N, C-alpha and C. Protein backbone atom coordinates (compact mmCIF):
# COMPACT_ATOMS: atom_id res chain seq x y z
N UNK A 1 1.05 -1.04 0.11
CA UNK A 1 -0.06 0.30 0.01
C UNK A 1 0.96 1.37 0.32
N UNK A 2 0.85 1.95 -0.86
CA UNK A 2 1.14 3.18 -0.96
C UNK A 2 0.65 4.21 -0.10
N UNK A 3 1.85 5.54 0.33
CA UNK A 3 1.48 6.38 1.46
C UNK A 3 0.37 7.38 0.84
N UNK A 4 -0.03 7.85 -0.13
CA UNK A 4 -1.14 8.16 -0.71
C UNK A 4 -2.63 7.26 -0.43
N UNK A 5 -2.22 6.39 -0.32
CA UNK A 5 -3.71 5.32 -0.22
C UNK A 5 -3.74 5.17 1.22
N UNK A 6 -2.87 5.15 1.76
CA UNK A 6 -2.79 5.00 3.24
C UNK A 6 -3.64 6.26 3.94
N UNK A 7 -3.19 7.00 3.56
CA UNK A 7 -3.61 8.49 4.19
C UNK A 7 -5.22 8.64 3.57
N UNK A 8 -5.42 8.23 2.37
CA UNK A 8 -6.98 8.33 1.95
C UNK A 8 -8.00 7.60 2.94
N UNK A 9 -7.33 6.07 3.25
CA UNK A 9 -8.24 5.34 3.84
C UNK A 9 -8.03 5.79 5.44
N UNK A 10 -6.95 6.45 5.74
CA UNK A 10 -7.10 7.12 7.10
C UNK A 10 -7.95 8.56 7.42
N UNK A 11 -8.03 9.31 6.16
CA UNK A 11 -9.00 10.48 6.15
C UNK A 11 -10.32 9.81 6.14
N UNK A 12 -10.68 8.71 5.57
CA UNK A 12 -12.09 8.13 5.26
C UNK A 12 -12.49 7.82 6.79
N UNK A 13 -11.92 7.16 7.30
CA UNK A 13 -12.02 6.51 8.89
C UNK A 13 -12.14 7.64 9.43
N UNK A 14 -11.32 8.58 9.61
CA UNK A 14 -11.26 9.73 10.80
C UNK A 14 -12.52 10.57 10.40
N UNK A 15 -13.11 11.07 9.17
CA UNK A 15 -14.35 11.44 8.94
C UNK A 15 -15.26 10.75 9.41
N UNK A 16 -15.57 9.63 9.06
CA UNK A 16 -16.57 8.40 9.44
C UNK A 16 -16.84 8.64 10.96
N UNK A 17 -15.66 8.38 11.70
CA UNK A 17 -15.59 8.64 13.54
C UNK A 17 -16.20 9.64 13.85
N UNK A 18 -15.83 11.11 13.00
CA UNK A 18 -16.47 12.35 13.35
C UNK A 18 -18.05 12.42 13.38
N UNK A 19 -18.48 11.70 12.30
CA UNK A 19 -19.67 11.78 11.88
C UNK A 19 -20.98 11.13 13.07
N UNK A 20 -20.19 10.15 13.44
CA UNK A 20 -20.64 8.89 14.57
C UNK A 20 -20.55 9.73 16.26
N UNK A 21 -19.40 10.54 16.28
CA UNK A 21 -19.79 11.20 17.30
C UNK A 21 -20.41 12.34 17.28
N UNK A 22 -20.75 12.85 16.44
CA UNK A 22 -21.72 14.15 16.19
C UNK A 22 -23.23 13.43 16.56
N UNK A 23 -23.52 12.21 15.71
CA UNK A 23 -24.72 11.62 15.96
C UNK A 23 -25.25 11.41 17.56
N UNK A 24 -24.01 11.18 18.44
CA UNK A 24 -24.18 10.75 19.75
C UNK A 24 -24.65 12.07 20.63
N UNK A 25 -24.52 13.08 20.44
CA UNK A 25 -24.86 14.11 21.38
C UNK A 25 -26.06 14.79 20.74
N UNK A 26 -27.16 14.69 21.19
CA UNK A 26 -28.81 15.31 20.74
C UNK A 26 -28.99 15.32 22.47
N UNK A 27 -29.59 16.43 22.88
CA UNK A 27 -30.27 16.68 23.95
C UNK A 27 -31.33 17.44 23.50
N UNK A 28 -32.47 17.24 24.53
CA UNK A 28 -34.01 18.05 24.29
C UNK A 28 -33.66 19.13 25.24
N UNK A 29 -34.07 20.18 24.71
CA UNK A 29 -33.88 21.23 25.99
C UNK A 29 -35.51 22.18 26.04
N UNK A 30 -35.53 22.68 27.08
CA UNK A 30 -36.78 23.63 27.34
C UNK A 30 -36.46 24.94 28.12
N UNK A 31 -37.36 25.64 28.33
CA UNK A 31 -37.13 26.76 28.96
C UNK A 31 -36.30 26.88 30.25
N UNK A 32 -35.38 27.91 30.52
CA UNK A 32 -34.90 27.75 31.60
C UNK A 32 -35.39 27.78 33.02
N UNK A 33 -36.45 28.05 32.90
CA UNK A 33 -37.46 27.78 34.21
C UNK A 33 -38.24 26.62 34.05
N UNK A 34 -38.35 25.76 33.02
CA UNK A 34 -39.04 24.53 33.08
C UNK A 34 -38.62 23.87 34.67
N UNK A 35 -39.88 23.09 34.60
CA UNK A 35 -39.58 21.84 35.83
C UNK A 35 -38.77 20.78 34.78
N UNK A 36 -38.80 20.75 34.17
CA UNK A 36 -38.30 19.46 33.20
C UNK A 36 -39.43 18.28 33.08
N UNK A 37 -39.20 17.37 32.05
CA UNK A 37 -40.02 16.12 31.57
C UNK A 37 -38.91 15.39 31.69
N UNK A 38 -39.23 13.90 31.96
CA UNK A 38 -38.33 12.75 31.74
C UNK A 38 -38.57 12.40 30.27
N UNK A 39 -37.28 11.45 29.96
CA UNK A 39 -37.52 10.95 28.75
C UNK A 39 -38.40 10.22 28.27
N UNK A 40 -39.22 9.51 29.01
CA UNK A 40 -40.19 8.92 28.50
C UNK A 40 -41.63 9.88 28.08
N UNK A 41 -41.37 10.86 29.05
CA UNK A 41 -42.70 12.23 28.93
C UNK A 41 -42.11 13.13 27.46
N UNK A 42 -41.13 12.96 26.83
CA UNK A 42 -40.58 13.71 26.07
C UNK A 42 -41.09 12.86 24.94
N UNK A 43 -40.66 11.53 25.04
CA UNK A 43 -41.06 10.58 23.88
C UNK A 43 -42.75 10.80 23.39
N UNK A 44 -43.21 10.76 24.48
CA UNK A 44 -44.97 11.12 24.46
C UNK A 44 -45.15 12.00 23.73
N UNK A 45 -44.29 13.13 24.23
CA UNK A 45 -44.75 14.45 23.54
C UNK A 45 -44.46 14.28 21.90
N UNK A 46 -43.26 13.78 21.56
CA UNK A 46 -42.98 13.42 20.23
C UNK A 46 -43.84 12.82 19.50
N UNK A 47 -44.34 12.09 20.14
CA UNK A 47 -45.42 10.81 19.34
C UNK A 47 -46.91 11.06 19.60
N UNK A 48 -47.12 12.03 20.06
CA UNK A 48 -48.49 12.45 20.04
C UNK A 48 -49.51 11.82 21.16
N UNK A 49 -48.71 11.22 21.94
CA UNK A 49 -49.34 10.45 23.38
C UNK A 49 -49.83 11.36 24.18
N UNK A 50 -48.85 12.86 24.49
CA UNK A 50 -49.07 13.87 25.50
C UNK A 50 -48.97 15.39 24.61
N UNK A 51 -49.51 16.10 25.78
CA UNK A 51 -49.75 17.54 25.22
C UNK A 51 -49.00 18.31 25.92
N UNK A 52 -48.11 17.72 27.22
CA UNK A 52 -47.48 18.39 28.08
C UNK A 52 -46.85 19.24 27.59
N UNK A 53 -46.23 19.50 26.69
CA UNK A 53 -45.27 20.16 25.94
C UNK A 53 -45.88 20.58 24.53
N UNK A 54 -44.76 21.83 23.89
CA UNK A 54 -45.39 22.04 22.55
C UNK A 54 -44.02 21.76 22.22
N UNK A 55 -43.87 20.73 21.45
CA UNK A 55 -42.60 20.66 20.57
C UNK A 55 -42.36 21.10 19.54
N UNK A 56 -40.96 21.29 19.19
CA UNK A 56 -40.59 21.46 18.07
C UNK A 56 -39.54 20.85 17.29
N UNK A 57 -39.79 20.81 15.78
CA UNK A 57 -39.15 19.48 14.94
C UNK A 57 -38.18 20.50 14.25
N UNK A 58 -36.76 20.28 13.88
CA UNK A 58 -35.89 20.81 13.04
C UNK A 58 -36.63 20.38 11.54
N UNK A 59 -35.94 20.68 10.39
CA UNK A 59 -36.48 20.28 9.04
C UNK A 59 -36.18 18.68 8.83
N UNK A 60 -36.59 18.30 7.81
CA UNK A 60 -36.53 16.89 7.64
C UNK A 60 -34.96 16.39 7.03
N UNK A 61 -34.59 17.36 6.24
CA UNK A 61 -33.23 17.29 5.71
C UNK A 61 -32.27 17.52 6.90
N UNK A 62 -32.49 18.20 8.07
CA UNK A 62 -31.52 18.23 9.31
C UNK A 62 -31.18 16.70 9.85
N UNK A 63 -29.81 16.39 9.83
CA UNK A 63 -29.16 15.19 10.39
C UNK A 63 -29.78 14.84 11.85
N UNK A 64 -29.83 16.03 12.55
CA UNK A 64 -30.58 16.07 13.95
C UNK A 64 -31.93 15.51 14.15
N UNK A 65 -32.47 15.56 13.35
CA UNK A 65 -33.82 15.44 13.21
C UNK A 65 -34.18 13.71 13.07
N UNK A 66 -33.29 13.16 12.02
CA UNK A 66 -33.55 11.79 12.01
C UNK A 66 -32.95 10.96 12.89
N UNK A 67 -31.54 11.69 13.35
CA UNK A 67 -30.66 10.92 14.66
C UNK A 67 -31.60 10.73 15.94
N UNK A 68 -32.03 12.16 15.99
CA UNK A 68 -33.06 12.36 17.23
C UNK A 68 -33.95 11.05 17.52
N UNK A 69 -35.29 11.36 16.16
CA UNK A 69 -36.00 9.97 16.34
C UNK A 69 -35.64 8.61 16.36
N UNK A 70 -34.74 8.48 15.74
CA UNK A 70 -34.35 6.86 16.01
C UNK A 70 -33.68 6.79 17.31
N UNK A 71 -33.08 7.55 18.09
CA UNK A 71 -32.40 7.34 19.34
C UNK A 71 -33.81 7.81 20.44
N UNK A 72 -34.38 8.68 20.19
CA UNK A 72 -35.56 8.75 21.27
C UNK A 72 -36.76 8.05 21.16
N UNK A 73 -37.14 7.23 19.81
CA UNK A 73 -38.59 6.69 19.72
C UNK A 73 -38.10 5.25 19.07
N UNK A 74 -37.10 5.04 18.43
CA UNK A 74 -36.63 3.77 17.51
C UNK A 74 -37.28 3.73 16.56
N UNK A 75 -37.95 4.85 15.91
CA UNK A 75 -38.47 5.06 14.51
C UNK A 75 -37.70 5.93 13.46
N UNK A 76 -37.91 5.77 12.32
CA UNK A 76 -37.10 6.41 11.57
C UNK A 76 -38.20 8.06 11.18
N UNK A 77 -37.78 8.46 9.89
CA UNK A 77 -38.75 9.56 9.88
C UNK A 77 -40.03 9.50 9.30
N UNK A 78 -39.97 8.29 8.53
CA UNK A 78 -41.16 8.27 7.23
C UNK A 78 -42.06 7.19 8.39
N UNK A 79 -41.48 6.29 9.60
CA UNK A 79 -42.54 5.91 10.44
C UNK A 79 -43.10 7.45 11.17
N UNK A 80 -42.45 8.06 11.74
CA UNK A 80 -42.87 9.21 12.24
C UNK A 80 -43.87 9.78 11.91
N UNK A 81 -43.58 10.45 9.98
CA UNK A 81 -44.67 10.70 9.28
C UNK A 81 -46.39 9.91 9.43
N UNK A 82 -46.11 8.72 9.33
CA UNK A 82 -47.25 8.04 9.34
C UNK A 82 -47.87 8.42 10.83
N UNK A 83 -47.38 8.24 11.64
CA UNK A 83 -47.99 8.65 13.48
C UNK A 83 -48.63 9.69 13.38
N UNK A 84 -47.90 10.97 12.58
CA UNK A 84 -48.33 12.06 12.84
C UNK A 84 -49.60 12.53 11.82
N UNK A 85 -49.38 11.71 10.50
CA UNK A 85 -50.45 11.63 9.78
C UNK A 85 -51.91 10.96 10.12
N UNK A 86 -51.82 10.19 11.18
CA UNK A 86 -52.96 9.17 11.53
C UNK A 86 -53.84 10.36 12.82
N UNK A 87 -52.81 10.69 13.82
CA UNK A 87 -53.34 11.68 14.56
C UNK A 87 -53.79 12.88 14.12
N UNK A 88 -53.49 13.74 13.12
CA UNK A 88 -53.73 14.72 12.54
C UNK A 88 -55.09 14.32 11.82
N UNK A 89 -54.99 13.52 11.03
CA UNK A 89 -56.06 13.12 10.45
C UNK A 89 -57.46 12.62 11.28
N UNK A 90 -57.39 11.93 12.37
CA UNK A 90 -58.44 12.03 13.29
C UNK A 90 -58.61 12.85 14.42
N UNK A 91 -57.72 14.33 14.07
CA UNK A 91 -58.00 15.28 15.04
C UNK A 91 -57.49 14.95 16.30
N UNK A 92 -56.66 14.02 16.64
CA UNK A 92 -56.12 13.83 18.11
C UNK A 92 -55.08 14.85 18.63
N UNK A 93 -54.29 15.32 17.70
CA UNK A 93 -53.13 16.06 17.73
C UNK A 93 -52.37 16.64 16.55
N UNK A 94 -51.56 17.56 16.76
CA UNK A 94 -51.07 18.46 15.60
C UNK A 94 -49.49 18.23 15.79
N UNK A 95 -48.70 18.12 14.61
CA UNK A 95 -47.77 17.47 14.44
C UNK A 95 -46.49 18.71 14.99
N UNK A 96 -45.43 18.65 15.74
CA UNK A 96 -44.63 19.51 16.07
C UNK A 96 -44.88 20.41 15.04
N UNK A 97 -44.23 21.93 15.76
CA UNK A 97 -43.83 22.99 14.69
C UNK A 97 -42.63 23.04 13.97
N UNK A 98 -42.43 23.25 12.96
CA UNK A 98 -40.89 22.88 12.54
C UNK A 98 -40.25 24.67 12.37
N UNK A 99 -39.41 24.38 12.93
CA UNK A 99 -38.20 25.58 12.72
C UNK A 99 -37.10 25.22 11.97
N UNK A 100 -36.56 26.14 11.61
CA UNK A 100 -35.61 25.85 10.38
C UNK A 100 -33.74 25.33 11.26
N UNK A 101 -33.83 25.30 12.30
CA UNK A 101 -31.98 24.94 12.77
C UNK A 101 -32.40 25.18 14.50
N UNK A 102 -31.36 24.80 14.73
CA UNK A 102 -30.87 24.82 16.52
C UNK A 102 -30.97 25.79 16.66
N UNK A 103 -30.63 27.06 16.42
CA UNK A 103 -30.68 28.57 16.48
C UNK A 103 -31.99 28.54 17.11
N UNK A 104 -32.77 28.40 16.04
CA UNK A 104 -34.50 28.78 15.95
C UNK A 104 -35.08 27.67 17.30
N UNK A 105 -34.54 26.83 17.36
CA UNK A 105 -35.04 26.02 18.52
C UNK A 105 -34.96 26.51 19.87
N UNK A 106 -33.72 27.16 20.24
CA UNK A 106 -33.39 27.63 21.03
C UNK A 106 -34.09 29.05 21.32
N UNK A 107 -34.17 29.67 20.30
CA UNK A 107 -34.78 31.02 20.51
C UNK A 107 -36.21 30.91 20.92
N UNK A 108 -36.89 29.86 20.15
CA UNK A 108 -38.25 29.64 20.19
C UNK A 108 -38.42 28.92 21.91
N UNK A 109 -37.51 27.76 21.97
CA UNK A 109 -37.57 27.29 23.78
C UNK A 109 -37.33 28.50 25.04
N UNK A 110 -36.44 29.46 24.21
CA UNK A 110 -36.40 30.84 25.51
C UNK A 110 -37.35 31.60 25.56
N UNK A 111 -38.28 31.62 24.77
CA UNK A 111 -39.14 32.60 24.80
C UNK A 111 -40.73 32.25 25.15
N UNK A 112 -40.52 30.33 25.29
CA UNK A 112 -41.86 30.01 25.35
C UNK A 112 -41.84 28.59 26.61
N UNK A 113 -42.00 29.27 27.56
CA UNK A 113 -42.03 28.33 29.01
C UNK A 113 -42.36 26.41 28.50
N UNK A 114 -43.27 26.36 27.46
CA UNK A 114 -44.09 25.19 27.13
C UNK A 114 -43.35 24.29 26.15
N UNK A 115 -42.57 25.27 25.55
CA UNK A 115 -41.85 24.87 23.87
C UNK A 115 -40.73 23.94 24.64
N UNK A 116 -40.45 22.69 23.82
CA UNK A 116 -39.42 21.68 24.18
C UNK A 116 -38.64 21.62 22.70
N UNK A 117 -37.57 21.26 22.51
CA UNK A 117 -36.92 21.33 21.19
C UNK A 117 -35.57 20.35 21.24
N UNK A 118 -35.25 19.71 20.22
CA UNK A 118 -34.02 19.04 20.29
C UNK A 118 -32.84 19.62 19.49
N UNK A 119 -31.45 19.45 19.71
CA UNK A 119 -30.48 20.03 19.28
C UNK A 119 -29.34 19.52 19.51
N UNK A 120 -28.10 19.90 18.68
CA UNK A 120 -26.67 19.19 19.08
C UNK A 120 -26.31 19.61 20.77
N UNK A 121 -25.71 19.13 21.41
CA UNK A 121 -25.51 19.41 22.85
C UNK A 121 -24.37 20.40 22.54
N UNK A 122 -23.35 20.69 21.72
CA UNK A 122 -22.77 21.47 21.22
C UNK A 122 -23.24 23.16 21.26
N UNK A 123 -24.70 23.01 20.83
CA UNK A 123 -25.33 23.99 20.62
C UNK A 123 -25.77 24.72 21.89
N UNK A 124 -25.91 24.03 23.06
CA UNK A 124 -26.55 24.56 24.25
C UNK A 124 -25.79 25.59 24.83
N UNK A 125 -26.58 26.62 25.22
CA UNK A 125 -26.03 27.65 26.01
C UNK A 125 -26.72 27.92 27.12
N UNK A 126 -26.78 29.30 27.91
CA UNK A 126 -27.51 29.63 28.72
C UNK A 126 -29.12 29.98 28.71
N UNK A 127 -29.34 29.90 27.42
CA UNK A 127 -30.69 30.52 27.15
C UNK A 127 -31.79 29.41 27.32
N UNK A 128 -31.29 28.14 27.56
CA UNK A 128 -32.05 26.88 27.60
C UNK A 128 -31.45 25.81 28.94
N UNK A 129 -32.75 25.22 28.68
CA UNK A 129 -32.30 24.02 29.92
C UNK A 129 -32.29 22.52 29.11
N UNK A 130 -31.36 22.08 29.51
CA UNK A 130 -31.26 20.31 29.34
C UNK A 130 -31.97 19.53 30.04
N UNK A 131 -33.14 18.92 29.17
CA UNK A 131 -34.09 18.10 29.89
C UNK A 131 -33.98 16.82 29.97
N UNK A 132 -33.02 16.25 28.80
CA UNK A 132 -32.92 15.11 28.50
C UNK A 132 -31.48 14.82 27.43
N UNK A 133 -30.77 13.63 27.78
CA UNK A 133 -29.84 13.41 26.50
C UNK A 133 -30.01 12.23 25.52
N UNK A 134 -30.29 11.88 24.47
CA UNK A 134 -30.43 10.82 23.55
C UNK A 134 -28.94 10.46 23.09
N UNK A 135 -28.47 9.49 23.37
CA UNK A 135 -27.26 8.82 23.19
C UNK A 135 -27.06 8.14 21.99
């Protein structure tokens, strides 16, 4: 194996490791004054079983959305769409409000004590309170 080939393989493996590490760092945040919710309660909110909070979603194209649903609920985005379509059709619940990114999640959560949202752990600051972590 020549040096160039070796370095290409090392680079690919390093980048793959960075992606895996980023996927493991998802937290659900709420208003700083929030009493908090358990992990199970958060899952119930995001699956429409509870209206204990106002959930926020990131865009379907955001990697954090797919990672959050897979880790928190064990379901992929198409399964979640089906759940919300059924709940919406029957009038039992409305899907989470979609916001553009983690910055918008933090801004909305900081302004509304009832709102919760998921973001990358690295985006957490003093404007929000970490309620749960999904690794």
